N, C-alpha and C. Protein backbone atom coordinates (compact mmCIF):
# COMPACT_ATOMS: atom_id res chain seq x y z
N MET A 1 -16.47 14.93 -0.79
CA MET A 1 -15.35 14.10 -1.21
C MET A 1 -15.78 12.63 -1.10
N ASP A 2 -15.99 11.98 -2.24
CA ASP A 2 -16.41 10.58 -2.29
C ASP A 2 -15.17 9.69 -2.24
N LYS A 3 -14.99 9.01 -1.12
CA LYS A 3 -13.80 8.19 -0.93
C LYS A 3 -13.73 7.04 -1.93
N GLY A 4 -14.86 6.44 -2.24
CA GLY A 4 -14.89 5.34 -3.20
C GLY A 4 -14.43 5.79 -4.58
N LEU A 5 -14.84 6.98 -4.98
CA LEU A 5 -14.44 7.52 -6.28
C LEU A 5 -12.95 7.84 -6.30
N ILE A 6 -12.44 8.38 -5.19
CA ILE A 6 -11.01 8.69 -5.09
C ILE A 6 -10.18 7.41 -5.23
N ILE A 7 -10.60 6.36 -4.54
CA ILE A 7 -9.88 5.08 -4.58
C ILE A 7 -9.95 4.49 -5.99
N SER A 8 -11.12 4.55 -6.59
CA SER A 8 -11.29 4.01 -7.94
C SER A 8 -10.44 4.77 -8.96
N ASP A 9 -10.47 6.10 -8.89
CA ASP A 9 -9.67 6.91 -9.81
C ASP A 9 -8.17 6.63 -9.66
N TYR A 10 -7.74 6.44 -8.42
CA TYR A 10 -6.33 6.16 -8.16
C TYR A 10 -5.93 4.82 -8.78
N ARG A 11 -6.77 3.81 -8.59
CA ARG A 11 -6.47 2.48 -9.12
C ARG A 11 -6.40 2.47 -10.64
N LEU A 12 -7.23 3.28 -11.28
CA LEU A 12 -7.31 3.28 -12.74
C LEU A 12 -6.35 4.26 -13.40
N ALA A 13 -5.71 5.09 -12.61
CA ALA A 13 -4.87 6.16 -13.16
C ALA A 13 -3.65 5.60 -13.87
N LYS A 14 -3.33 6.22 -15.00
CA LYS A 14 -2.11 5.87 -15.74
C LYS A 14 -0.88 6.31 -14.96
N ASN A 15 -0.96 7.49 -14.35
CA ASN A 15 0.11 8.00 -13.50
C ASN A 15 -0.50 8.41 -12.16
N PRO A 16 -0.53 7.49 -11.19
CA PRO A 16 -1.19 7.75 -9.92
C PRO A 16 -0.66 8.96 -9.15
N ASN A 17 0.64 9.26 -9.27
CA ASN A 17 1.18 10.42 -8.57
C ASN A 17 0.52 11.71 -9.05
N LYS A 18 0.35 11.85 -10.35
CA LYS A 18 -0.31 13.02 -10.89
C LYS A 18 -1.79 13.02 -10.53
N GLN A 19 -2.38 11.83 -10.48
CA GLN A 19 -3.81 11.72 -10.16
C GLN A 19 -4.08 12.21 -8.75
N ILE A 20 -3.18 11.98 -7.82
CA ILE A 20 -3.36 12.46 -6.45
C ILE A 20 -3.46 13.98 -6.44
N ARG A 21 -2.58 14.63 -7.17
CA ARG A 21 -2.59 16.10 -7.26
C ARG A 21 -3.91 16.60 -7.87
N ILE A 22 -4.34 15.93 -8.95
CA ILE A 22 -5.57 16.32 -9.62
C ILE A 22 -6.77 16.14 -8.70
N MET A 23 -6.83 15.01 -8.00
CA MET A 23 -7.95 14.75 -7.09
C MET A 23 -7.98 15.77 -5.96
N ALA A 24 -6.82 16.18 -5.47
CA ALA A 24 -6.77 17.18 -4.40
C ALA A 24 -7.31 18.51 -4.92
N GLN A 25 -6.95 18.89 -6.14
CA GLN A 25 -7.44 20.14 -6.72
C GLN A 25 -8.95 20.09 -6.93
N ILE A 26 -9.45 18.98 -7.45
CA ILE A 26 -10.89 18.84 -7.71
C ILE A 26 -11.69 18.90 -6.41
N ASN A 27 -11.17 18.24 -5.37
CA ASN A 27 -11.90 18.16 -4.11
C ASN A 27 -11.60 19.33 -3.17
N GLY A 28 -10.72 20.23 -3.58
CA GLY A 28 -10.40 21.39 -2.75
C GLY A 28 -9.75 21.03 -1.43
N CYS A 29 -8.86 20.05 -1.49
CA CYS A 29 -8.16 19.64 -0.26
C CYS A 29 -6.67 19.50 -0.54
N ARG A 30 -5.93 19.09 0.47
CA ARG A 30 -4.49 18.89 0.30
C ARG A 30 -4.21 17.48 -0.23
N MET A 31 -3.06 17.34 -0.83
CA MET A 31 -2.65 16.03 -1.33
C MET A 31 -2.52 15.03 -0.17
N ASP A 32 -2.09 15.51 0.99
CA ASP A 32 -1.96 14.65 2.17
C ASP A 32 -3.30 14.01 2.55
N ASP A 33 -4.39 14.77 2.36
CA ASP A 33 -5.72 14.22 2.68
C ASP A 33 -6.07 13.07 1.74
N ILE A 34 -5.74 13.23 0.47
CA ILE A 34 -5.99 12.16 -0.51
C ILE A 34 -5.13 10.94 -0.19
N VAL A 35 -3.87 11.18 0.11
CA VAL A 35 -2.96 10.07 0.45
C VAL A 35 -3.46 9.33 1.67
N LYS A 36 -3.98 10.05 2.68
CA LYS A 36 -4.50 9.40 3.88
C LYS A 36 -5.68 8.49 3.54
N ILE A 37 -6.58 8.97 2.68
CA ILE A 37 -7.72 8.15 2.26
C ILE A 37 -7.22 6.88 1.57
N LEU A 38 -6.23 7.03 0.68
CA LEU A 38 -5.69 5.88 -0.05
C LEU A 38 -4.96 4.91 0.88
N LYS A 39 -4.22 5.45 1.85
CA LYS A 39 -3.52 4.59 2.82
C LYS A 39 -4.52 3.82 3.67
N ASP A 40 -5.57 4.52 4.13
CA ASP A 40 -6.59 3.86 4.96
C ASP A 40 -7.27 2.73 4.20
N ALA A 41 -7.41 2.90 2.88
CA ALA A 41 -8.02 1.87 2.04
C ALA A 41 -7.03 0.77 1.66
N GLY A 42 -5.75 1.00 1.94
CA GLY A 42 -4.71 0.00 1.64
C GLY A 42 -4.32 -0.07 0.18
N VAL A 43 -4.54 1.02 -0.57
CA VAL A 43 -4.21 0.99 -2.00
C VAL A 43 -3.06 1.92 -2.37
N TYR A 44 -2.61 2.74 -1.45
CA TYR A 44 -1.55 3.71 -1.76
C TYR A 44 -0.23 3.00 -1.93
N GLU A 45 0.43 3.28 -3.06
CA GLU A 45 1.74 2.72 -3.35
C GLU A 45 2.69 3.87 -3.66
N PRO A 46 3.52 4.28 -2.69
CA PRO A 46 4.44 5.40 -2.94
C PRO A 46 5.34 5.12 -4.13
N GLY A 47 5.49 6.11 -4.99
CA GLY A 47 6.37 5.97 -6.14
C GLY A 47 5.75 5.27 -7.32
N ARG A 48 4.52 4.77 -7.18
CA ARG A 48 3.86 4.08 -8.29
C ARG A 48 3.65 5.07 -9.43
N GLY A 49 4.00 4.66 -10.63
CA GLY A 49 3.83 5.52 -11.79
C GLY A 49 5.10 6.21 -12.22
N ARG A 50 6.10 6.22 -11.36
CA ARG A 50 7.38 6.82 -11.75
C ARG A 50 8.09 5.89 -12.70
N LYS A 51 8.70 6.48 -13.69
CA LYS A 51 9.45 5.67 -14.64
C LYS A 51 10.93 5.89 -14.40
N VAL A 52 11.57 4.87 -13.87
CA VAL A 52 13.00 4.92 -13.61
C VAL A 52 13.65 3.79 -14.41
N ALA A 53 14.62 4.11 -15.20
CA ALA A 53 15.27 3.12 -16.03
C ALA A 53 15.82 1.98 -15.18
N ASN A 54 15.48 0.78 -15.56
CA ASN A 54 15.95 -0.43 -14.88
C ASN A 54 15.69 -0.43 -13.38
N GLN A 55 14.57 0.12 -12.99
CA GLN A 55 14.26 0.19 -11.56
C GLN A 55 14.23 -1.21 -10.94
N HIS A 56 13.74 -2.18 -11.72
CA HIS A 56 13.66 -3.54 -11.20
C HIS A 56 15.04 -4.16 -11.00
N MET A 57 16.06 -3.57 -11.61
CA MET A 57 17.39 -4.15 -11.52
C MET A 57 18.31 -3.45 -10.53
N ARG A 58 17.90 -2.30 -10.01
CA ARG A 58 18.80 -1.54 -9.14
C ARG A 58 19.31 -2.39 -7.99
N GLY A 59 20.63 -2.49 -7.91
CA GLY A 59 21.25 -3.24 -6.82
C GLY A 59 21.24 -4.75 -7.02
N ASN A 60 20.64 -5.23 -8.11
CA ASN A 60 20.51 -6.66 -8.30
C ASN A 60 21.36 -7.20 -9.45
N VAL A 61 22.24 -6.41 -9.98
CA VAL A 61 23.07 -6.85 -11.10
C VAL A 61 24.26 -7.65 -10.57
N ASP A 62 24.45 -8.83 -11.12
CA ASP A 62 25.57 -9.68 -10.73
C ASP A 62 26.75 -9.34 -11.65
N TYR A 63 27.62 -8.47 -11.16
CA TYR A 63 28.72 -7.98 -11.99
C TYR A 63 29.76 -9.05 -12.28
N GLU A 64 29.88 -10.04 -11.41
CA GLU A 64 30.80 -11.14 -11.67
C GLU A 64 30.32 -11.96 -12.87
N GLN A 65 29.01 -12.21 -12.92
CA GLN A 65 28.46 -12.94 -14.06
C GLN A 65 28.60 -12.10 -15.33
N MET A 66 28.39 -10.79 -15.19
CA MET A 66 28.53 -9.90 -16.34
C MET A 66 29.96 -9.97 -16.88
N ARG A 67 30.94 -9.99 -15.97
CA ARG A 67 32.34 -10.08 -16.37
C ARG A 67 32.62 -11.39 -17.09
N GLU A 68 32.04 -12.50 -16.58
CA GLU A 68 32.23 -13.80 -17.23
C GLU A 68 31.68 -13.79 -18.65
N LEU A 69 30.49 -13.23 -18.82
CA LEU A 69 29.89 -13.16 -20.15
C LEU A 69 30.72 -12.27 -21.07
N TYR A 70 31.25 -11.18 -20.52
CA TYR A 70 32.12 -10.30 -21.30
C TYR A 70 33.37 -11.07 -21.72
N ASN A 71 33.97 -11.79 -20.78
CA ASN A 71 35.19 -12.56 -21.08
C ASN A 71 34.93 -13.67 -22.10
N ASP A 72 33.66 -14.13 -22.19
CA ASP A 72 33.29 -15.13 -23.19
C ASP A 72 33.13 -14.51 -24.57
N GLY A 73 33.25 -13.19 -24.65
CA GLY A 73 33.21 -12.51 -25.94
C GLY A 73 31.83 -12.05 -26.38
N LEU A 74 30.85 -12.02 -25.46
CA LEU A 74 29.50 -11.61 -25.83
C LEU A 74 29.41 -10.09 -25.98
N SER A 75 28.49 -9.67 -26.82
CA SER A 75 28.26 -8.24 -27.03
C SER A 75 27.43 -7.68 -25.87
N ASP A 76 27.36 -6.36 -25.80
CA ASP A 76 26.54 -5.71 -24.77
C ASP A 76 25.09 -6.16 -24.88
N ILE A 77 24.59 -6.30 -26.10
CA ILE A 77 23.20 -6.70 -26.32
C ILE A 77 22.97 -8.11 -25.78
N LYS A 78 23.88 -9.03 -26.10
CA LYS A 78 23.72 -10.41 -25.64
C LYS A 78 23.91 -10.53 -24.13
N ILE A 79 24.82 -9.77 -23.57
CA ILE A 79 25.01 -9.78 -22.12
C ILE A 79 23.76 -9.26 -21.43
N GLY A 80 23.23 -8.15 -21.95
CA GLY A 80 22.01 -7.57 -21.38
C GLY A 80 20.85 -8.55 -21.42
N ALA A 81 20.70 -9.24 -22.55
CA ALA A 81 19.61 -10.21 -22.68
C ALA A 81 19.78 -11.37 -21.70
N ALA A 82 21.00 -11.83 -21.54
CA ALA A 82 21.27 -12.95 -20.63
C ALA A 82 21.07 -12.56 -19.17
N MET A 83 21.33 -11.29 -18.86
CA MET A 83 21.26 -10.83 -17.47
C MET A 83 19.90 -10.21 -17.13
N GLY A 84 19.07 -9.99 -18.14
CA GLY A 84 17.78 -9.37 -17.89
C GLY A 84 17.87 -7.88 -17.65
N THR A 85 18.83 -7.24 -18.27
CA THR A 85 19.01 -5.80 -18.14
C THR A 85 19.22 -5.21 -19.54
N SER A 86 19.32 -3.91 -19.61
CA SER A 86 19.45 -3.27 -20.92
C SER A 86 20.91 -3.26 -21.37
N PRO A 87 21.11 -3.21 -22.69
CA PRO A 87 22.47 -3.11 -23.22
C PRO A 87 23.18 -1.83 -22.74
N SER A 88 22.41 -0.77 -22.51
CA SER A 88 23.04 0.47 -22.04
C SER A 88 23.60 0.31 -20.63
N THR A 89 22.94 -0.49 -19.79
CA THR A 89 23.47 -0.78 -18.45
C THR A 89 24.80 -1.50 -18.57
N VAL A 90 24.85 -2.46 -19.48
CA VAL A 90 26.09 -3.21 -19.72
C VAL A 90 27.18 -2.28 -20.24
N ARG A 91 26.80 -1.41 -21.16
CA ARG A 91 27.76 -0.47 -21.75
C ARG A 91 28.34 0.45 -20.69
N VAL A 92 27.50 0.99 -19.81
CA VAL A 92 27.98 1.87 -18.74
C VAL A 92 28.94 1.12 -17.84
N TRP A 93 28.58 -0.11 -17.45
CA TRP A 93 29.46 -0.93 -16.61
C TRP A 93 30.79 -1.17 -17.31
N ARG A 94 30.71 -1.52 -18.61
CA ARG A 94 31.93 -1.81 -19.38
C ARG A 94 32.84 -0.59 -19.45
N LEU A 95 32.28 0.57 -19.71
CA LEU A 95 33.08 1.79 -19.81
C LEU A 95 33.68 2.18 -18.46
N LYS A 96 32.92 2.01 -17.38
CA LYS A 96 33.45 2.31 -16.05
C LYS A 96 34.63 1.43 -15.69
N ASN A 97 34.64 0.23 -16.26
CA ASN A 97 35.72 -0.71 -15.98
C ASN A 97 36.81 -0.69 -17.04
N GLY A 98 36.73 0.26 -17.96
CA GLY A 98 37.77 0.42 -18.98
C GLY A 98 37.85 -0.73 -19.96
N LEU A 99 36.73 -1.37 -20.24
CA LEU A 99 36.71 -2.52 -21.14
C LEU A 99 36.28 -2.10 -22.53
N GLU A 100 36.90 -2.68 -23.52
CA GLU A 100 36.59 -2.40 -24.92
C GLU A 100 35.33 -3.15 -25.34
N SER A 101 34.68 -2.64 -26.36
CA SER A 101 33.54 -3.33 -26.94
C SER A 101 34.05 -4.51 -27.76
N HIS A 102 33.28 -5.59 -27.79
CA HIS A 102 33.67 -6.73 -28.60
C HIS A 102 33.27 -6.55 -30.05
N TYR A 103 32.61 -5.46 -30.35
CA TYR A 103 32.18 -5.19 -31.72
C TYR A 103 32.65 -3.82 -32.15
N VAL A 104 33.27 -3.78 -33.32
CA VAL A 104 33.68 -2.52 -33.92
C VAL A 104 33.18 -2.54 -35.35
N LYS A 105 32.30 -1.61 -35.67
CA LYS A 105 31.73 -1.52 -37.02
C LYS A 105 31.23 -2.87 -37.51
N GLY A 106 30.56 -3.59 -36.62
CA GLY A 106 29.96 -4.86 -37.03
C GLY A 106 30.88 -6.05 -37.03
N ARG A 107 32.15 -5.85 -36.69
CA ARG A 107 33.10 -6.97 -36.67
C ARG A 107 33.46 -7.31 -35.24
N ARG A 108 33.56 -8.58 -34.99
CA ARG A 108 33.88 -9.05 -33.66
C ARG A 108 35.37 -8.99 -33.39
N ILE A 109 35.72 -8.49 -32.21
CA ILE A 109 37.10 -8.46 -31.78
C ILE A 109 37.30 -9.61 -30.80
N THR A 110 38.31 -10.41 -31.00
CA THR A 110 38.54 -11.53 -30.08
C THR A 110 39.25 -11.01 -28.84
N PRO A 111 38.77 -11.44 -27.68
CA PRO A 111 39.39 -10.95 -26.42
C PRO A 111 40.76 -11.52 -26.18
C-alpha cells in the first residue's frame, strides 16, 4: 500500500468518497485504513464530493431580506440572484409562507 499514491489519488479524485472505497478494494484493506492514511496526511475532508443543493447556503439565508425583496415586487429569479441562492429556494420559502408569485404567465402582479 503506497501512501503517497493513495494521497495523490484522493486529491485528484472527482468524487473522493467513491475513491476511498475503490482504493480500499484495490489495496485489500478497509476504508477506515485509507481514511486514517488521509487523516494522518492532513488531506481528508469528510463529505467532500457530495452534491447537496445549496449546501453553501444552508442556515445562511436572510429571510427578512428575502421578504423585503418580495415586498418590493421582485420575482423568484431576481430575489435568488440578489440573495445568492437559487430561485427554487425562494419558491419553496414563498410557498411555505403562503405568498403568491409576482408573475403569472409572464405578467407582473402588483403587490
